[in-house]
Amino acid sequence: MKNSRSNIRWLTQLALLVAIMLVMSYTPLGYLPLGPLNCSLLSIPVAIGAMTMGPSAGAILGGVFGVTSFMNAVEGKSTLGAALFAASPIGYFVTAVIGRILMGWLCALVFQAARKLLPGKEKTTCAIGGFAAPFLNTVFYMGFMVMLFYRTDYIQSLVAAKGATNPFMFIVLMVGVQGTLEWILGCVISGAVTVPLRKFLKKSNA
């Protein structure tokens, strides 16, 4: 009976976070346009779920993030996404969806490792987990984009516009303020929300 209640609670929490992500995805709450890239806030609920419910939830929520990003590209709402989707739908699925699944899963593992290394430092470990989600999102998205699309005409036009001389410099120039802002917001907001949430869930599960 206790396991059944725990499973229902886990599924309810997951469904709530999925609902929040869908609202964010289809309203201005989820993305802040910054040039060809969007500053995405969707990694925040992914991080919260990963830190409160574990790797499986992180992977599922990362997948939801990825699917919404993929659909934005299909619908032409993202300039970069639409261009990459036109070049290779399968390649963009890997970039947008598979990368986000890995991001959510690894975010939970980073958080769990941080808790073992820093016992009793709940605020610090939650901040680390909150930072890990947007950072890993940037790493996987830009990494897959360079591996799969760097030689396409669209990306080469961005390379020329940025004056990048190699793929690594291109990533640094593309991420810039957008990536830094995502990392800071993820670290601060996800960490601040997760600390009291974990305390509440611990008490309710007792």
N, C-alpha and C. Protein backbone atom coordinates (compact mmCIF):
# COMPACT_ATOMS: atom_id res chain seq x y z
N MET A 1 0.83 -1.21 0.00
CA MET A 1 0.00 0.00 0.00
C MET A 1 0.86 1.26 0.00
N LYS A 2 1.93 1.24 0.82
CA LYS A 2 2.81 2.41 0.88
C LYS A 2 3.49 2.65 -0.46
N ASN A 3 3.95 1.55 -1.12
CA ASN A 3 4.58 1.69 -2.43
C ASN A 3 3.60 2.23 -3.46
N SER A 4 2.34 1.79 -3.35
CA SER A 4 1.31 2.27 -4.28
C SER A 4 1.08 3.76 -4.11
N ARG A 5 1.01 4.22 -2.85
CA ARG A 5 0.84 5.66 -2.60
C ARG A 5 2.04 6.44 -3.10
N SER A 6 3.24 5.89 -2.91
CA SER A 6 4.46 6.57 -3.37
C SER A 6 4.47 6.69 -4.89
N ASN A 7 4.04 5.63 -5.58
CA ASN A 7 3.99 5.67 -7.04
C ASN A 7 2.98 6.69 -7.54
N ILE A 8 1.82 6.76 -6.87
CA ILE A 8 0.80 7.73 -7.27
C ILE A 8 1.31 9.15 -7.04
N ARG A 9 1.99 9.36 -5.91
CA ARG A 9 2.54 10.69 -5.61
C ARG A 9 3.60 11.07 -6.65
N TRP A 10 4.45 10.10 -7.01
CA TRP A 10 5.51 10.35 -8.00
C TRP A 10 4.90 10.72 -9.34
N LEU A 11 3.89 9.98 -9.77
CA LEU A 11 3.24 10.25 -11.05
C LEU A 11 2.51 11.59 -11.03
N THR A 12 1.92 11.93 -9.89
CA THR A 12 1.22 13.21 -9.77
C THR A 12 2.19 14.37 -9.87
N GLN A 13 3.33 14.25 -9.18
CA GLN A 13 4.35 15.30 -9.25
C GLN A 13 4.90 15.43 -10.67
N LEU A 14 5.11 14.30 -11.32
CA LEU A 14 5.62 14.32 -12.69
C LEU A 14 4.61 14.98 -13.62
N ALA A 15 3.33 14.62 -13.48
CA ALA A 15 2.29 15.20 -14.34
C ALA A 15 2.19 16.70 -14.14
N LEU A 16 2.35 17.15 -12.90
CA LEU A 16 2.29 18.59 -12.62
C LEU A 16 3.42 19.33 -13.30
N LEU A 17 4.62 18.78 -13.23
CA LEU A 17 5.77 19.42 -13.87
C LEU A 17 5.64 19.39 -15.40
N VAL A 18 5.11 18.30 -15.94
CA VAL A 18 4.87 18.23 -17.39
C VAL A 18 3.89 19.31 -17.80
N ALA A 19 2.81 19.48 -17.02
CA ALA A 19 1.81 20.51 -17.33
C ALA A 19 2.43 21.90 -17.29
N ILE A 20 3.28 22.15 -16.30
CA ILE A 20 3.96 23.45 -16.21
C ILE A 20 4.84 23.68 -17.44
N MET A 21 5.56 22.63 -17.85
CA MET A 21 6.44 22.76 -19.02
C MET A 21 5.65 23.04 -20.29
N LEU A 22 4.50 22.40 -20.45
CA LEU A 22 3.69 22.62 -21.64
C LEU A 22 3.16 24.04 -21.68
N VAL A 23 2.75 24.56 -20.52
CA VAL A 23 2.30 25.96 -20.45
C VAL A 23 3.44 26.90 -20.80
N MET A 24 4.61 26.63 -20.23
CA MET A 24 5.77 27.47 -20.51
C MET A 24 6.15 27.42 -21.98
N SER A 25 6.06 26.24 -22.57
CA SER A 25 6.48 26.05 -23.95
C SER A 25 5.64 26.83 -24.93
N TYR A 26 4.34 26.93 -24.65
CA TYR A 26 3.43 27.56 -25.59
C TYR A 26 2.99 28.96 -25.17
N THR A 27 3.75 29.55 -24.25
CA THR A 27 3.55 30.94 -23.85
C THR A 27 4.92 31.61 -23.80
N PRO A 28 4.97 32.93 -23.69
CA PRO A 28 6.27 33.62 -23.59
C PRO A 28 7.05 33.28 -22.32
N LEU A 29 6.44 32.53 -21.40
CA LEU A 29 7.14 32.18 -20.16
C LEU A 29 8.32 31.25 -20.38
N GLY A 30 8.30 30.49 -21.47
CA GLY A 30 9.29 29.45 -21.66
C GLY A 30 10.54 29.85 -22.41
N TYR A 31 10.44 30.84 -23.28
CA TYR A 31 11.57 31.19 -24.13
C TYR A 31 11.75 32.70 -24.21
N LEU A 32 12.99 33.14 -24.11
CA LEU A 32 13.34 34.54 -24.30
C LEU A 32 14.18 34.65 -25.57
N PRO A 33 13.63 35.21 -26.65
CA PRO A 33 14.38 35.29 -27.91
C PRO A 33 15.62 36.16 -27.77
N LEU A 34 16.77 35.60 -28.16
CA LEU A 34 18.03 36.33 -28.16
C LEU A 34 18.78 35.98 -29.45
N GLY A 35 18.53 36.70 -30.52
CA GLY A 35 19.18 36.41 -31.80
C GLY A 35 18.67 35.09 -32.37
N PRO A 36 19.55 34.30 -33.01
CA PRO A 36 19.13 33.03 -33.60
C PRO A 36 18.78 31.97 -32.57
N LEU A 37 19.25 32.16 -31.32
CA LEU A 37 18.95 31.21 -30.25
C LEU A 37 17.88 31.78 -29.33
N ASN A 38 17.19 30.90 -28.63
CA ASN A 38 16.24 31.30 -27.60
C ASN A 38 16.82 30.95 -26.24
N CYS A 39 16.71 31.89 -25.30
CA CYS A 39 17.09 31.60 -23.93
C CYS A 39 15.94 30.81 -23.32
N SER A 40 16.14 29.52 -23.12
CA SER A 40 15.06 28.65 -22.66
C SER A 40 15.06 28.52 -21.14
N LEU A 41 13.85 28.63 -20.56
CA LEU A 41 13.68 28.45 -19.12
C LEU A 41 13.12 27.07 -18.80
N LEU A 42 12.95 26.24 -19.82
CA LEU A 42 12.35 24.93 -19.61
C LEU A 42 13.28 23.95 -18.89
N SER A 43 14.54 24.27 -18.84
CA SER A 43 15.45 23.40 -18.08
C SER A 43 15.21 23.52 -16.58
N ILE A 44 14.52 24.57 -16.15
CA ILE A 44 14.27 24.78 -14.71
C ILE A 44 13.35 23.69 -14.14
N PRO A 45 12.14 23.46 -14.72
CA PRO A 45 11.33 22.35 -14.19
C PRO A 45 11.98 20.98 -14.38
N VAL A 46 12.81 20.83 -15.43
CA VAL A 46 13.54 19.58 -15.60
C VAL A 46 14.48 19.37 -14.42
N ALA A 47 15.20 20.41 -14.04
CA ALA A 47 16.14 20.31 -12.91
C ALA A 47 15.40 20.03 -11.61
N ILE A 48 14.28 20.70 -11.40
CA ILE A 48 13.52 20.50 -10.17
C ILE A 48 13.04 19.05 -10.08
N GLY A 49 12.50 18.54 -11.18
CA GLY A 49 12.04 17.15 -11.20
C GLY A 49 13.18 16.17 -11.01
N ALA A 50 14.31 16.44 -11.66
CA ALA A 50 15.46 15.54 -11.54
C ALA A 50 15.98 15.48 -10.11
N MET A 51 15.98 16.64 -9.42
CA MET A 51 16.52 16.69 -8.07
C MET A 51 15.55 16.17 -7.02
N THR A 52 14.25 16.21 -7.31
CA THR A 52 13.26 15.76 -6.32
C THR A 52 12.76 14.35 -6.59
N MET A 53 12.87 13.87 -7.84
CA MET A 53 12.29 12.57 -8.19
C MET A 53 13.27 11.60 -8.82
N GLY A 54 14.48 12.04 -9.15
CA GLY A 54 15.49 11.12 -9.63
C GLY A 54 15.72 11.10 -11.13
N PRO A 55 16.65 10.26 -11.58
CA PRO A 55 17.06 10.21 -12.98
C PRO A 55 15.94 9.90 -13.97
N SER A 56 15.04 8.98 -13.60
CA SER A 56 13.95 8.61 -14.52
C SER A 56 13.06 9.81 -14.82
N ALA A 57 12.70 10.54 -13.76
CA ALA A 57 11.87 11.74 -13.94
C ALA A 57 12.64 12.79 -14.74
N GLY A 58 13.93 12.94 -14.45
CA GLY A 58 14.74 13.89 -15.20
C GLY A 58 14.76 13.59 -16.67
N ALA A 59 14.90 12.30 -17.01
CA ALA A 59 14.93 11.89 -18.41
C ALA A 59 13.58 12.14 -19.09
N ILE A 60 12.48 11.82 -18.39
CA ILE A 60 11.15 12.03 -18.96
C ILE A 60 10.88 13.52 -19.19
N LEU A 61 11.19 14.33 -18.19
CA LEU A 61 10.97 15.77 -18.32
C LEU A 61 11.88 16.37 -19.38
N GLY A 62 13.11 15.87 -19.47
CA GLY A 62 14.00 16.31 -20.55
C GLY A 62 13.43 15.96 -21.90
N GLY A 63 12.81 14.77 -21.99
CA GLY A 63 12.17 14.37 -23.24
C GLY A 63 11.01 15.28 -23.61
N VAL A 64 10.22 15.69 -22.61
CA VAL A 64 9.12 16.64 -22.86
C VAL A 64 9.67 17.96 -23.38
N PHE A 65 10.72 18.45 -22.74
CA PHE A 65 11.40 19.66 -23.20
C PHE A 65 11.83 19.50 -24.65
N GLY A 66 12.44 18.37 -24.96
CA GLY A 66 12.93 18.14 -26.31
C GLY A 66 11.82 18.08 -27.34
N VAL A 67 10.73 17.41 -27.01
CA VAL A 67 9.61 17.29 -27.95
C VAL A 67 8.99 18.66 -28.23
N THR A 68 8.83 19.49 -27.20
CA THR A 68 8.27 20.83 -27.42
C THR A 68 9.20 21.67 -28.29
N SER A 69 10.50 21.52 -28.08
CA SER A 69 11.48 22.23 -28.91
C SER A 69 11.41 21.75 -30.36
N PHE A 70 11.28 20.43 -30.51
CA PHE A 70 11.17 19.85 -31.85
C PHE A 70 9.92 20.35 -32.56
N MET A 71 8.81 20.40 -31.84
CA MET A 71 7.56 20.88 -32.44
C MET A 71 7.64 22.36 -32.79
N ASN A 72 8.34 23.14 -32.00
CA ASN A 72 8.53 24.55 -32.34
C ASN A 72 9.28 24.70 -33.66
N ALA A 73 10.24 23.79 -33.90
CA ALA A 73 10.98 23.81 -35.16
C ALA A 73 10.07 23.40 -36.32
N VAL A 74 9.26 22.37 -36.11
CA VAL A 74 8.33 21.90 -37.15
C VAL A 74 7.36 23.01 -37.53
N GLU A 75 6.88 23.75 -36.51
CA GLU A 75 5.91 24.82 -36.74
C GLU A 75 6.55 26.13 -37.16
N GLY A 76 7.89 26.16 -37.24
CA GLY A 76 8.59 27.36 -37.68
C GLY A 76 8.68 28.46 -36.66
N LYS A 77 8.48 28.14 -35.37
CA LYS A 77 8.53 29.16 -34.33
C LYS A 77 9.97 29.50 -33.93
N SER A 78 10.90 28.62 -34.24
CA SER A 78 12.31 28.85 -33.94
C SER A 78 13.08 28.94 -35.26
N THR A 79 13.72 30.05 -35.50
CA THR A 79 14.46 30.25 -36.76
C THR A 79 15.55 29.20 -36.92
N LEU A 80 16.35 29.04 -35.88
CA LEU A 80 17.44 28.06 -35.93
C LEU A 80 16.89 26.65 -36.04
N GLY A 81 15.92 26.32 -35.20
CA GLY A 81 15.34 24.99 -35.21
C GLY A 81 14.72 24.64 -36.55
N ALA A 82 14.01 25.59 -37.14
CA ALA A 82 13.37 25.34 -38.43
C ALA A 82 14.41 25.08 -39.51
N ALA A 83 15.51 25.82 -39.47
CA ALA A 83 16.57 25.64 -40.47
C ALA A 83 17.23 24.28 -40.31
N LEU A 84 17.47 23.86 -39.08
CA LEU A 84 18.10 22.56 -38.85
C LEU A 84 17.14 21.42 -39.18
N PHE A 85 15.87 21.60 -38.87
CA PHE A 85 14.87 20.58 -39.20
C PHE A 85 14.77 20.40 -40.71
N ALA A 86 14.83 21.52 -41.45
CA ALA A 86 14.77 21.45 -42.91
C ALA A 86 15.98 20.72 -43.47
N ALA A 87 17.13 20.88 -42.82
CA ALA A 87 18.35 20.22 -43.29
C ALA A 87 18.32 18.73 -43.01
N SER A 88 17.80 18.35 -41.83
CA SER A 88 17.73 16.93 -41.46
C SER A 88 16.77 16.74 -40.28
N PRO A 89 15.54 16.29 -40.54
CA PRO A 89 14.60 16.06 -39.44
C PRO A 89 15.13 15.08 -38.40
N ILE A 90 15.77 14.01 -38.84
CA ILE A 90 16.31 13.02 -37.91
C ILE A 90 17.44 13.63 -37.09
N GLY A 91 18.33 14.35 -37.76
CA GLY A 91 19.43 15.00 -37.06
C GLY A 91 18.94 15.99 -36.02
N TYR A 92 17.87 16.73 -36.37
CA TYR A 92 17.36 17.69 -35.40
C TYR A 92 16.62 17.00 -34.25
N PHE A 93 16.00 15.84 -34.52
CA PHE A 93 15.38 15.08 -33.44
C PHE A 93 16.43 14.65 -32.43
N VAL A 94 17.57 14.21 -32.92
CA VAL A 94 18.67 13.82 -32.02
C VAL A 94 19.12 15.04 -31.22
N THR A 95 19.28 16.16 -31.88
CA THR A 95 19.76 17.38 -31.24
C THR A 95 18.77 17.88 -30.19
N ALA A 96 17.50 17.94 -30.55
CA ALA A 96 16.49 18.56 -29.69
C ALA A 96 15.96 17.62 -28.62
N VAL A 97 15.76 16.35 -28.97
CA VAL A 97 15.08 15.43 -28.06
C VAL A 97 16.07 14.53 -27.30
N ILE A 98 16.92 13.81 -28.03
CA ILE A 98 17.85 12.89 -27.37
C ILE A 98 18.79 13.65 -26.43
N GLY A 99 19.27 14.80 -26.89
CA GLY A 99 20.16 15.60 -26.05
C GLY A 99 19.50 16.04 -24.76
N ARG A 100 18.18 16.38 -24.83
CA ARG A 100 17.47 16.84 -23.63
C ARG A 100 17.18 15.67 -22.69
N ILE A 101 16.92 14.48 -23.23
CA ILE A 101 16.74 13.31 -22.37
C ILE A 101 18.02 13.04 -21.57
N LEU A 102 19.15 13.08 -22.26
CA LEU A 102 20.43 12.89 -21.59
C LEU A 102 20.67 13.98 -20.55
N MET A 103 20.29 15.20 -20.88
CA MET A 103 20.46 16.32 -19.96
C MET A 103 19.71 16.09 -18.65
N GLY A 104 18.43 15.71 -18.74
CA GLY A 104 17.64 15.50 -17.54
C GLY A 104 18.14 14.34 -16.70
N TRP A 105 18.54 13.27 -17.36
CA TRP A 105 19.05 12.09 -16.67
C TRP A 105 20.36 12.41 -15.95
N LEU A 106 21.27 13.06 -16.66
CA LEU A 106 22.57 13.37 -16.06
C LEU A 106 22.47 14.45 -14.98
N CYS A 107 21.50 15.35 -15.11
CA CYS A 107 21.30 16.37 -14.07
C CYS A 107 21.04 15.70 -12.73
N ALA A 108 20.18 14.68 -12.73
CA ALA A 108 19.87 13.96 -11.49
C ALA A 108 21.11 13.26 -10.95
N LEU A 109 21.91 12.67 -11.83
CA LEU A 109 23.12 11.98 -11.39
C LEU A 109 24.15 12.96 -10.82
N VAL A 110 24.27 14.14 -11.44
CA VAL A 110 25.18 15.17 -10.92
C VAL A 110 24.73 15.60 -9.53
N PHE A 111 23.43 15.81 -9.37
CA PHE A 111 22.89 16.22 -8.07
C PHE A 111 23.15 15.14 -7.02
N GLN A 112 22.91 13.89 -7.36
CA GLN A 112 23.13 12.81 -6.41
C GLN A 112 24.60 12.69 -6.04
N ALA A 113 25.49 12.88 -7.01
CA ALA A 113 26.92 12.84 -6.73
C ALA A 113 27.33 14.00 -5.82
N ALA A 114 26.75 15.18 -6.08
CA ALA A 114 27.07 16.35 -5.26
C ALA A 114 26.62 16.14 -3.82
N ARG A 115 25.48 15.48 -3.61
CA ARG A 115 24.99 15.22 -2.25
C ARG A 115 25.92 14.28 -1.49
N LYS A 116 26.50 13.34 -2.22
CA LYS A 116 27.43 12.41 -1.57
C LYS A 116 28.75 13.11 -1.23
N LEU A 117 29.18 13.99 -2.12
CA LEU A 117 30.44 14.70 -1.90
C LEU A 117 30.31 15.82 -0.88
N LEU A 118 29.09 16.40 -0.78
CA LEU A 118 28.87 17.54 0.12
C LEU A 118 27.69 17.24 1.04
N PRO A 119 27.83 16.27 1.94
CA PRO A 119 26.72 15.91 2.82
C PRO A 119 26.31 17.08 3.72
N GLY A 120 25.00 17.29 3.82
CA GLY A 120 24.49 18.36 4.66
C GLY A 120 24.46 19.72 4.00
N LYS A 121 25.02 19.86 2.81
CA LYS A 121 25.05 21.14 2.10
C LYS A 121 23.91 21.19 1.07
N GLU A 122 22.68 21.20 1.58
CA GLU A 122 21.51 21.10 0.71
C GLU A 122 21.42 22.26 -0.27
N LYS A 123 21.62 23.47 0.19
CA LYS A 123 21.52 24.64 -0.69
C LYS A 123 22.57 24.58 -1.79
N THR A 124 23.78 24.20 -1.44
CA THR A 124 24.86 24.14 -2.42
C THR A 124 24.60 23.05 -3.46
N THR A 125 24.19 21.88 -2.98
CA THR A 125 23.96 20.77 -3.92
C THR A 125 22.77 21.06 -4.84
N CYS A 126 21.73 21.72 -4.33
CA CYS A 126 20.59 22.10 -5.17
C CYS A 126 20.99 23.15 -6.20
N ALA A 127 21.88 24.06 -5.80
CA ALA A 127 22.38 25.05 -6.76
C ALA A 127 23.20 24.38 -7.85
N ILE A 128 23.99 23.38 -7.46
CA ILE A 128 24.79 22.63 -8.44
C ILE A 128 23.88 21.90 -9.42
N GLY A 129 22.86 21.24 -8.90
CA GLY A 129 21.90 20.56 -9.77
C GLY A 129 21.16 21.53 -10.68
N GLY A 130 20.80 22.70 -10.12
CA GLY A 130 20.12 23.71 -10.92
C GLY A 130 20.99 24.25 -12.03
N PHE A 131 22.28 24.36 -11.76
CA PHE A 131 23.23 24.80 -12.79
C PHE A 131 23.46 23.71 -13.84
N ALA A 132 23.49 22.46 -13.38
CA ALA A 132 23.82 21.35 -14.28
C ALA A 132 22.85 21.22 -15.43
N ALA A 133 21.55 21.43 -15.18
CA ALA A 133 20.55 21.24 -16.23
C ALA A 133 20.76 22.18 -17.42
N PRO A 134 20.78 23.51 -17.24
CA PRO A 134 20.99 24.38 -18.39
C PRO A 134 22.39 24.24 -19.00
N PHE A 135 23.39 23.95 -18.15
CA PHE A 135 24.74 23.78 -18.68
C PHE A 135 24.81 22.56 -19.58
N LEU A 136 24.27 21.44 -19.11
CA LEU A 136 24.27 20.22 -19.92
C LEU A 136 23.39 20.40 -21.16
N ASN A 137 22.31 21.16 -21.02
CA ASN A 137 21.46 21.43 -22.17
C ASN A 137 22.26 22.15 -23.26
N THR A 138 23.05 23.13 -22.87
CA THR A 138 23.89 23.86 -23.82
C THR A 138 24.93 22.93 -24.44
N VAL A 139 25.57 22.12 -23.61
CA VAL A 139 26.61 21.21 -24.10
C VAL A 139 26.06 20.24 -25.13
N PHE A 140 24.94 19.60 -24.81
CA PHE A 140 24.38 18.61 -25.73
C PHE A 140 23.79 19.25 -26.99
N TYR A 141 23.06 20.33 -26.81
CA TYR A 141 22.42 20.96 -27.97
C TYR A 141 23.47 21.49 -28.96
N MET A 142 24.42 22.25 -28.44
CA MET A 142 25.44 22.81 -29.31
C MET A 142 26.38 21.72 -29.82
N GLY A 143 26.66 20.74 -28.97
CA GLY A 143 27.54 19.64 -29.40
C GLY A 143 26.95 18.85 -30.55
N PHE A 144 25.68 18.45 -30.41
CA PHE A 144 25.02 17.71 -31.49
C PHE A 144 24.86 18.59 -32.73
N MET A 145 24.58 19.87 -32.52
CA MET A 145 24.40 20.76 -33.67
C MET A 145 25.69 20.86 -34.49
N VAL A 146 26.81 20.99 -33.80
CA VAL A 146 28.08 21.08 -34.51
C VAL A 146 28.42 19.75 -35.18
N MET A 147 28.20 18.64 -34.49
CA MET A 147 28.52 17.33 -35.06
C MET A 147 27.67 17.01 -36.28
N LEU A 148 26.40 17.40 -36.25
CA LEU A 148 25.46 16.98 -37.29
C LEU A 148 25.19 18.03 -38.36
N PHE A 149 25.40 19.32 -38.03
CA PHE A 149 24.97 20.37 -38.95
C PHE A 149 26.03 21.41 -39.30
N TYR A 150 27.24 21.23 -38.79
CA TYR A 150 28.23 22.31 -38.95
C TYR A 150 28.50 22.65 -40.41
N ARG A 151 28.43 21.68 -41.30
CA ARG A 151 28.74 21.93 -42.71
C ARG A 151 27.54 22.39 -43.53
N THR A 152 26.38 22.54 -42.91
CA THR A 152 25.21 22.99 -43.66
C THR A 152 25.35 24.48 -44.00
N ASP A 153 24.65 24.89 -45.03
CA ASP A 153 24.74 26.28 -45.49
C ASP A 153 24.31 27.27 -44.39
N TYR A 154 23.25 26.91 -43.68
CA TYR A 154 22.74 27.84 -42.66
C TYR A 154 23.76 28.05 -41.55
N ILE A 155 24.33 26.97 -41.03
CA ILE A 155 25.30 27.10 -39.95
C ILE A 155 26.56 27.80 -40.45
N GLN A 156 26.96 27.51 -41.68
CA GLN A 156 28.14 28.18 -42.22
C GLN A 156 27.90 29.68 -42.39
N SER A 157 26.66 30.06 -42.65
CA SER A 157 26.36 31.50 -42.74
C SER A 157 26.49 32.15 -41.36
N LEU A 158 26.10 31.42 -40.32
CA LEU A 158 26.27 31.92 -38.95
C LEU A 158 27.74 31.97 -38.57
N VAL A 159 28.49 30.96 -39.00
CA VAL A 159 29.93 30.93 -38.73
C VAL A 159 30.60 32.16 -39.33
N ALA A 160 30.24 32.47 -40.58
CA ALA A 160 30.82 33.63 -41.25
C ALA A 160 30.40 34.92 -40.57
N ALA A 161 29.13 35.00 -40.17
CA ALA A 161 28.63 36.22 -39.52
C ALA A 161 29.30 36.46 -38.17
N LYS A 162 29.59 35.36 -37.45
CA LYS A 162 30.23 35.48 -36.14
C LYS A 162 31.74 35.64 -36.25
N GLY A 163 32.30 35.32 -37.41
CA GLY A 163 33.74 35.39 -37.58
C GLY A 163 34.47 34.26 -36.88
N ALA A 164 33.79 33.12 -36.70
CA ALA A 164 34.41 31.98 -36.01
C ALA A 164 35.37 31.26 -36.95
N THR A 165 36.49 30.83 -36.40
CA THR A 165 37.50 30.14 -37.22
C THR A 165 37.51 28.63 -37.01
N ASN A 166 36.74 28.16 -36.02
CA ASN A 166 36.65 26.72 -35.77
C ASN A 166 35.35 26.43 -35.02
N PRO A 167 34.94 25.15 -34.94
CA PRO A 167 33.67 24.82 -34.28
C PRO A 167 33.60 25.26 -32.82
N PHE A 168 34.69 25.10 -32.07
CA PHE A 168 34.66 25.48 -30.66
C PHE A 168 34.42 26.97 -30.50
N MET A 169 35.10 27.79 -31.31
CA MET A 169 34.90 29.23 -31.24
C MET A 169 33.47 29.59 -31.63
N PHE A 170 32.92 28.87 -32.59
CA PHE A 170 31.54 29.09 -33.02
C PHE A 170 30.58 28.85 -31.85
N ILE A 171 30.79 27.76 -31.11
CA ILE A 171 29.94 27.45 -29.97
C ILE A 171 30.02 28.55 -28.92
N VAL A 172 31.23 28.99 -28.61
CA VAL A 172 31.43 30.03 -27.61
C VAL A 172 30.73 31.32 -28.02
N LEU A 173 30.87 31.70 -29.29
CA LEU A 173 30.28 32.94 -29.77
C LEU A 173 28.76 32.83 -29.85
N MET A 174 28.25 31.66 -30.19
CA MET A 174 26.80 31.47 -30.28
C MET A 174 26.15 31.47 -28.89
N VAL A 175 26.79 30.82 -27.95
CA VAL A 175 26.20 30.69 -26.61
C VAL A 175 26.20 32.05 -25.90
N GLY A 176 27.37 32.62 -25.75
CA GLY A 176 27.51 33.98 -25.21
C GLY A 176 26.61 34.32 -24.04
N VAL A 177 25.89 35.44 -24.17
CA VAL A 177 25.02 35.96 -23.12
C VAL A 177 23.86 35.01 -22.86
N GLN A 178 23.34 34.41 -23.93
CA GLN A 178 22.19 33.51 -23.80
C GLN A 178 22.50 32.35 -22.87
N GLY A 179 23.63 31.69 -23.12
CA GLY A 179 24.01 30.55 -22.29
C GLY A 179 24.28 30.95 -20.86
N THR A 180 25.00 32.04 -20.68
CA THR A 180 25.32 32.52 -19.33
C THR A 180 24.06 32.84 -18.55
N LEU A 181 23.09 33.49 -19.20
CA LEU A 181 21.83 33.84 -18.54
C LEU A 181 21.06 32.58 -18.15
N GLU A 182 21.02 31.58 -19.04
CA GLU A 182 20.35 30.32 -18.72
C GLU A 182 20.99 29.65 -17.50
N TRP A 183 22.31 29.63 -17.46
CA TRP A 183 23.01 28.96 -16.36
C TRP A 183 22.73 29.66 -15.03
N ILE A 184 22.76 30.99 -15.05
CA ILE A 184 22.52 31.75 -13.81
C ILE A 184 21.10 31.56 -13.32
N LEU A 185 20.13 31.70 -14.23
CA LEU A 185 18.73 31.54 -13.85
C LEU A 185 18.45 30.12 -13.36
N GLY A 186 19.03 29.13 -14.04
CA GLY A 186 18.84 27.75 -13.62
C GLY A 186 19.39 27.51 -12.24
N CYS A 187 20.58 27.99 -12.00
CA CYS A 187 21.23 27.81 -10.70
C CYS A 187 20.42 28.47 -9.59
N VAL A 188 20.00 29.71 -9.79
CA VAL A 188 19.31 30.47 -8.75
C VAL A 188 17.88 29.98 -8.54
N ILE A 189 17.09 29.91 -9.63
CA ILE A 189 15.67 29.57 -9.48
C ILE A 189 15.48 28.10 -9.11
N SER A 190 16.12 27.21 -9.84
CA SER A 190 15.97 25.78 -9.55
C SER A 190 16.44 25.45 -8.13
N GLY A 191 17.58 26.03 -7.77
CA GLY A 191 18.10 25.78 -6.43
C GLY A 191 17.18 26.31 -5.35
N ALA A 192 16.66 27.53 -5.54
CA ALA A 192 15.79 28.15 -4.55
C ALA A 192 14.47 27.40 -4.39
N VAL A 193 13.94 26.88 -5.47
CA VAL A 193 12.67 26.15 -5.41
C VAL A 193 12.86 24.75 -4.84
N THR A 194 13.95 24.11 -5.21
CA THR A 194 14.15 22.70 -4.84
C THR A 194 14.42 22.50 -3.36
N VAL A 195 15.14 23.41 -2.73
CA VAL A 195 15.46 23.25 -1.30
C VAL A 195 14.20 23.09 -0.45
N PRO A 196 13.27 24.05 -0.46
CA PRO A 196 12.07 23.86 0.36
C PRO A 196 11.17 22.74 -0.14
N LEU A 197 11.17 22.50 -1.46
CA LEU A 197 10.33 21.44 -2.02
C LEU A 197 10.79 20.07 -1.53
N ARG A 198 12.09 19.85 -1.50
CA ARG A 198 12.62 18.57 -1.01
C ARG A 198 12.28 18.39 0.47
N LYS A 199 12.33 19.46 1.25
CA LYS A 199 11.99 19.37 2.67
C LYS A 199 10.51 19.00 2.82
N PHE A 200 9.67 19.65 2.01
CA PHE A 200 8.22 19.37 2.09
C PHE A 200 7.93 17.92 1.70
N LEU A 201 8.54 17.46 0.61
CA LEU A 201 8.30 16.10 0.15
C LEU A 201 8.81 15.07 1.16
N LYS A 202 9.92 15.39 1.81
CA LYS A 202 10.48 14.48 2.82
C LYS A 202 9.52 14.34 3.98
N LYS A 203 8.91 15.45 4.41
CA LYS A 203 7.96 15.41 5.52
C LYS A 203 6.69 14.68 5.13
N SER A 204 6.20 14.93 3.91
CA SER A 204 4.96 14.30 3.46
C SER A 204 5.12 12.81 3.24
N ASN A 205 6.37 12.37 2.94
CA ASN A 205 6.63 10.94 2.70
C ASN A 205 6.92 10.19 4.00
N ALA A 206 7.14 10.95 5.08
CA ALA A 206 7.50 10.33 6.35
C ALA A 206 6.31 9.56 6.95
